[in-house]
Amino acid sequence: MSSHGNSNSANDPRMPSAAKPFVAPMVNPQDLPVDYSGFIAVIFGIAGVMFRYKLSSWLAIIFCAQSLTNLRNFETDLKQVSMAMMFAIMGLVTNYFGPARPGRKG
């Protein structure tokens, strides 16, 4: 017979009564680490709008997606990500559908 029956439960060294569920410690929103991907998304979004760089606007969208996946503080981070997304979309719209840049033919 196998030794994995109920007879071994009396010899189990683990104590189920001592087990406690994990409770995450409370952290102030000011003490959370900085969301660098959200900050970089804002910088790329502004550069895409101001300098009309398509690559910068696309990078802002990528960093926005990364920041959304790593969202820690929902309220403050969502404001920053939404602002970066607006800049990125605004940059893409002006780059692809806006008037041509002076001195360029296409």
N, C-alpha and C. Protein backbone atom coordinates (compact mmCIF):
# COMPACT_ATOMS: atom_id res chain seq x y z
N MET A 1 0.82 -1.18 0.00
CA MET A 1 0.00 0.00 0.00
C MET A 1 0.87 1.25 0.00
N SER A 2 0.26 2.32 -0.41
CA SER A 2 0.96 3.60 -0.49
C SER A 2 0.96 4.29 0.88
N SER A 3 1.98 5.07 1.13
CA SER A 3 2.05 5.78 2.41
C SER A 3 1.42 7.17 2.32
N HIS A 4 0.67 7.43 1.25
CA HIS A 4 0.07 8.75 1.08
C HIS A 4 -1.38 8.80 1.55
N GLY A 5 -1.78 7.94 2.43
CA GLY A 5 -3.16 7.88 2.90
C GLY A 5 -3.41 8.91 3.99
N ASN A 6 -4.54 8.76 4.65
CA ASN A 6 -4.92 9.67 5.73
C ASN A 6 -4.15 9.42 7.01
N SER A 7 -3.46 8.30 7.09
CA SER A 7 -2.73 7.98 8.31
C SER A 7 -1.55 8.92 8.51
N ASN A 8 -1.06 9.54 7.43
CA ASN A 8 0.08 10.45 7.52
C ASN A 8 -0.32 11.85 7.98
N SER A 9 -1.60 12.17 7.98
CA SER A 9 -2.02 13.53 8.33
C SER A 9 -1.70 13.87 9.78
N ALA A 10 -1.63 12.89 10.64
CA ALA A 10 -1.29 13.16 12.04
C ALA A 10 0.19 13.51 12.17
N ASN A 11 1.03 13.03 11.25
CA ASN A 11 2.46 13.29 11.30
C ASN A 11 2.87 14.50 10.45
N ASP A 12 1.91 15.25 9.93
CA ASP A 12 2.20 16.39 9.06
C ASP A 12 2.81 17.53 9.89
N PRO A 13 4.04 17.97 9.57
CA PRO A 13 4.68 19.01 10.38
C PRO A 13 4.07 20.41 10.17
N ARG A 14 3.30 20.60 9.10
CA ARG A 14 2.71 21.92 8.88
C ARG A 14 1.54 22.14 9.83
N MET A 15 1.36 23.39 10.22
CA MET A 15 0.27 23.72 11.13
C MET A 15 -0.74 24.59 10.39
N PRO A 16 -1.87 24.05 9.98
CA PRO A 16 -2.85 24.86 9.25
C PRO A 16 -3.41 26.00 10.09
N SER A 17 -3.41 25.87 11.39
CA SER A 17 -3.94 26.94 12.24
C SER A 17 -3.01 28.15 12.27
N ALA A 18 -1.71 27.94 11.96
CA ALA A 18 -0.75 29.05 11.98
C ALA A 18 -0.68 29.78 10.65
N ALA A 19 -1.30 29.24 9.62
CA ALA A 19 -1.25 29.87 8.30
C ALA A 19 -2.16 31.09 8.28
N LYS A 20 -1.61 32.20 7.78
CA LYS A 20 -2.38 33.44 7.66
C LYS A 20 -2.40 33.88 6.21
N PRO A 21 -3.51 34.41 5.72
CA PRO A 21 -3.54 34.90 4.34
C PRO A 21 -2.67 36.15 4.19
N PHE A 22 -2.10 36.31 3.00
CA PHE A 22 -1.24 37.47 2.73
C PHE A 22 -2.09 38.73 2.60
N VAL A 23 -1.68 39.77 3.29
CA VAL A 23 -2.34 41.06 3.20
C VAL A 23 -1.28 42.07 2.76
N ALA A 24 -1.51 42.71 1.61
CA ALA A 24 -0.54 43.68 1.10
C ALA A 24 -0.50 44.89 2.02
N PRO A 25 0.71 45.41 2.30
CA PRO A 25 0.80 46.59 3.17
C PRO A 25 0.24 47.82 2.47
N MET A 26 -0.34 48.70 3.25
CA MET A 26 -0.89 49.94 2.69
C MET A 26 0.26 50.89 2.37
N VAL A 27 0.23 51.45 1.15
CA VAL A 27 1.27 52.38 0.70
C VAL A 27 0.60 53.67 0.26
N ASN A 28 1.14 54.79 0.70
CA ASN A 28 0.61 56.08 0.26
C ASN A 28 0.88 56.28 -1.22
N PRO A 29 -0.01 56.94 -1.95
CA PRO A 29 0.23 57.19 -3.38
C PRO A 29 1.50 58.02 -3.63
N GLN A 30 1.89 58.84 -2.66
CA GLN A 30 3.11 59.64 -2.82
C GLN A 30 4.37 58.78 -2.72
N ASP A 31 4.26 57.62 -2.06
CA ASP A 31 5.41 56.76 -1.87
C ASP A 31 5.60 55.74 -2.98
N LEU A 32 4.66 55.68 -3.95
CA LEU A 32 4.78 54.72 -5.05
C LEU A 32 5.92 55.14 -5.98
N PRO A 33 6.57 54.19 -6.63
CA PRO A 33 7.63 54.56 -7.57
C PRO A 33 7.06 55.31 -8.77
N VAL A 34 7.92 56.09 -9.41
CA VAL A 34 7.52 56.91 -10.54
C VAL A 34 7.21 56.02 -11.74
N ASP A 35 6.16 56.37 -12.48
CA ASP A 35 5.80 55.64 -13.70
C ASP A 35 6.60 56.25 -14.86
N TYR A 36 7.78 55.69 -15.10
CA TYR A 36 8.66 56.25 -16.12
C TYR A 36 8.08 56.09 -17.52
N SER A 37 7.39 55.00 -17.78
CA SER A 37 6.85 54.80 -19.12
C SER A 37 5.75 55.82 -19.41
N GLY A 38 4.97 56.20 -18.42
CA GLY A 38 3.97 57.25 -18.61
C GLY A 38 4.61 58.60 -18.86
N PHE A 39 5.68 58.89 -18.13
CA PHE A 39 6.39 60.16 -18.32
C PHE A 39 7.03 60.22 -19.71
N ILE A 40 7.64 59.14 -20.13
CA ILE A 40 8.26 59.09 -21.47
C ILE A 40 7.19 59.20 -22.55
N ALA A 41 6.02 58.62 -22.31
CA ALA A 41 4.93 58.73 -23.28
C ALA A 41 4.49 60.18 -23.45
N VAL A 42 4.43 60.92 -22.35
CA VAL A 42 4.06 62.34 -22.43
C VAL A 42 5.12 63.11 -23.22
N ILE A 43 6.39 62.86 -22.95
CA ILE A 43 7.47 63.56 -23.64
C ILE A 43 7.42 63.26 -25.14
N PHE A 44 7.29 61.98 -25.51
CA PHE A 44 7.21 61.62 -26.93
C PHE A 44 5.96 62.19 -27.59
N GLY A 45 4.84 62.21 -26.86
CA GLY A 45 3.61 62.77 -27.41
C GLY A 45 3.72 64.25 -27.70
N ILE A 46 4.32 64.99 -26.77
CA ILE A 46 4.51 66.43 -26.99
C ILE A 46 5.48 66.67 -28.13
N ALA A 47 6.56 65.88 -28.21
CA ALA A 47 7.51 66.04 -29.31
C ALA A 47 6.85 65.70 -30.65
N GLY A 48 5.97 64.72 -30.65
CA GLY A 48 5.27 64.37 -31.89
C GLY A 48 4.35 65.47 -32.36
N VAL A 49 3.71 66.18 -31.43
CA VAL A 49 2.82 67.28 -31.81
C VAL A 49 3.61 68.52 -32.21
N MET A 50 4.61 68.87 -31.40
CA MET A 50 5.33 70.12 -31.65
C MET A 50 6.25 70.05 -32.87
N PHE A 51 6.99 68.96 -32.98
CA PHE A 51 7.97 68.86 -34.06
C PHE A 51 7.47 68.04 -35.24
N ARG A 52 6.25 67.50 -35.10
CA ARG A 52 5.60 66.70 -36.15
C ARG A 52 6.44 65.49 -36.55
N TYR A 53 6.89 64.76 -35.54
CA TYR A 53 7.63 63.53 -35.77
C TYR A 53 6.66 62.36 -35.65
N LYS A 54 6.54 61.60 -36.72
CA LYS A 54 5.64 60.45 -36.70
C LYS A 54 6.15 59.37 -35.75
N LEU A 55 7.46 59.13 -35.80
CA LEU A 55 8.04 58.11 -34.94
C LEU A 55 7.82 58.43 -33.46
N SER A 56 7.92 59.68 -33.12
CA SER A 56 7.72 60.09 -31.73
C SER A 56 6.28 59.82 -31.29
N SER A 57 5.33 60.09 -32.16
CA SER A 57 3.92 59.83 -31.81
C SER A 57 3.66 58.34 -31.67
N TRP A 58 4.25 57.53 -32.54
CA TRP A 58 4.07 56.08 -32.43
C TRP A 58 4.72 55.55 -31.16
N LEU A 59 5.90 56.07 -30.81
CA LEU A 59 6.54 55.65 -29.56
C LEU A 59 5.71 56.05 -28.35
N ALA A 60 5.06 57.20 -28.43
CA ALA A 60 4.19 57.62 -27.32
C ALA A 60 3.04 56.63 -27.14
N ILE A 61 2.48 56.15 -28.25
CA ILE A 61 1.39 55.16 -28.15
C ILE A 61 1.90 53.87 -27.52
N ILE A 62 3.10 53.45 -27.89
CA ILE A 62 3.67 52.21 -27.33
C ILE A 62 3.92 52.37 -25.84
N PHE A 63 4.48 53.51 -25.43
CA PHE A 63 4.74 53.73 -24.01
C PHE A 63 3.44 53.90 -23.23
N CYS A 64 2.40 54.43 -23.86
CA CYS A 64 1.08 54.50 -23.21
C CYS A 64 0.54 53.11 -22.92
N ALA A 65 0.69 52.23 -23.89
CA ALA A 65 0.22 50.85 -23.70
C ALA A 65 1.00 50.18 -22.57
N GLN A 66 2.30 50.42 -22.52
CA GLN A 66 3.12 49.83 -21.46
C GLN A 66 2.71 50.40 -20.11
N SER A 67 2.44 51.68 -20.06
CA SER A 67 2.03 52.30 -18.80
C SER A 67 0.67 51.79 -18.35
N LEU A 68 -0.23 51.54 -19.30
CA LEU A 68 -1.54 51.00 -18.94
C LEU A 68 -1.43 49.59 -18.37
N THR A 69 -0.51 48.80 -18.89
CA THR A 69 -0.36 47.44 -18.36
C THR A 69 0.25 47.43 -16.97
N ASN A 70 1.04 48.45 -16.64
CA ASN A 70 1.68 48.51 -15.33
C ASN A 70 1.03 49.53 -14.41
N LEU A 71 -0.25 49.77 -14.58
CA LEU A 71 -0.98 50.78 -13.80
C LEU A 71 -0.98 50.40 -12.33
N ARG A 72 -0.53 51.30 -11.48
CA ARG A 72 -0.49 51.02 -10.05
C ARG A 72 -1.52 51.84 -9.30
N ASN A 73 -1.44 53.14 -9.43
CA ASN A 73 -2.41 54.02 -8.79
C ASN A 73 -3.38 54.46 -9.87
N PHE A 74 -4.58 53.92 -9.84
CA PHE A 74 -5.52 54.06 -10.95
C PHE A 74 -5.84 55.51 -11.25
N GLU A 75 -6.10 56.32 -10.23
CA GLU A 75 -6.58 57.68 -10.47
C GLU A 75 -5.51 58.59 -11.07
N THR A 76 -4.34 58.65 -10.44
CA THR A 76 -3.33 59.59 -10.93
C THR A 76 -2.64 59.09 -12.19
N ASP A 77 -2.37 57.79 -12.28
CA ASP A 77 -1.70 57.27 -13.46
C ASP A 77 -2.60 57.33 -14.69
N LEU A 78 -3.89 57.14 -14.50
CA LEU A 78 -4.81 57.17 -15.64
C LEU A 78 -4.89 58.58 -16.23
N LYS A 79 -4.79 59.59 -15.38
CA LYS A 79 -4.77 60.97 -15.88
C LYS A 79 -3.54 61.20 -16.76
N GLN A 80 -2.40 60.74 -16.30
CA GLN A 80 -1.16 60.93 -17.06
C GLN A 80 -1.19 60.14 -18.36
N VAL A 81 -1.67 58.92 -18.32
CA VAL A 81 -1.71 58.09 -19.52
C VAL A 81 -2.71 58.65 -20.53
N SER A 82 -3.85 59.13 -20.03
CA SER A 82 -4.84 59.69 -20.96
C SER A 82 -4.31 60.96 -21.62
N MET A 83 -3.57 61.79 -20.89
CA MET A 83 -2.98 62.98 -21.48
C MET A 83 -1.94 62.60 -22.53
N ALA A 84 -1.12 61.61 -22.23
CA ALA A 84 -0.12 61.16 -23.20
C ALA A 84 -0.77 60.57 -24.43
N MET A 85 -1.84 59.82 -24.25
CA MET A 85 -2.55 59.23 -25.38
C MET A 85 -3.17 60.32 -26.25
N MET A 86 -3.71 61.36 -25.63
CA MET A 86 -4.28 62.46 -26.42
C MET A 86 -3.21 63.16 -27.24
N PHE A 87 -2.05 63.41 -26.65
CA PHE A 87 -0.95 64.03 -27.39
C PHE A 87 -0.50 63.13 -28.54
N ALA A 88 -0.41 61.83 -28.28
CA ALA A 88 0.05 60.91 -29.32
C ALA A 88 -0.94 60.85 -30.47
N ILE A 89 -2.22 60.76 -30.16
CA ILE A 89 -3.23 60.71 -31.22
C ILE A 89 -3.29 62.03 -31.96
N MET A 90 -3.18 63.13 -31.23
CA MET A 90 -3.17 64.45 -31.87
C MET A 90 -1.97 64.58 -32.81
N GLY A 91 -0.83 64.08 -32.40
CA GLY A 91 0.35 64.12 -33.25
C GLY A 91 0.18 63.27 -34.50
N LEU A 92 -0.39 62.08 -34.35
CA LEU A 92 -0.60 61.22 -35.51
C LEU A 92 -1.61 61.83 -36.48
N VAL A 93 -2.66 62.43 -35.96
CA VAL A 93 -3.67 63.04 -36.83
C VAL A 93 -3.07 64.22 -37.58
N THR A 94 -2.32 65.06 -36.90
CA THR A 94 -1.72 66.21 -37.60
C THR A 94 -0.64 65.77 -38.57
N ASN A 95 0.07 64.69 -38.27
CA ASN A 95 1.12 64.23 -39.17
C ASN A 95 0.56 63.59 -40.44
N TYR A 96 -0.49 62.80 -40.29
CA TYR A 96 -1.00 62.06 -41.43
C TYR A 96 -2.10 62.81 -42.18
N PHE A 97 -2.90 63.61 -41.49
CA PHE A 97 -4.04 64.26 -42.13
C PHE A 97 -3.95 65.77 -42.16
N GLY A 98 -2.96 66.34 -41.51
CA GLY A 98 -2.83 67.79 -41.46
C GLY A 98 -2.21 68.35 -42.72
N PRO A 99 -2.04 69.67 -42.75
CA PRO A 99 -1.43 70.29 -43.93
C PRO A 99 0.03 69.89 -44.06
N ALA A 100 0.52 69.95 -45.29
CA ALA A 100 1.92 69.55 -45.56
C ALA A 100 2.86 70.54 -44.90
N ARG A 101 4.01 70.05 -44.50
CA ARG A 101 5.02 70.91 -43.90
C ARG A 101 5.64 71.81 -44.96
N PRO A 102 5.94 73.03 -44.64
CA PRO A 102 6.57 73.89 -45.64
C PRO A 102 7.96 73.37 -46.03
N GLY A 103 8.26 73.42 -47.31
CA GLY A 103 9.55 72.96 -47.80
C GLY A 103 9.57 71.49 -48.13
N ARG A 104 8.48 70.79 -47.93
CA ARG A 104 8.41 69.36 -48.25
C ARG A 104 7.36 69.14 -49.33
N LYS A 105 7.65 68.21 -50.20
CA LYS A 105 6.72 67.92 -51.28
C LYS A 105 5.80 66.76 -50.98
N GLY A 106 6.15 65.92 -50.06
CA GLY A 106 5.32 64.76 -49.84
C GLY A 106 5.38 64.31 -48.48
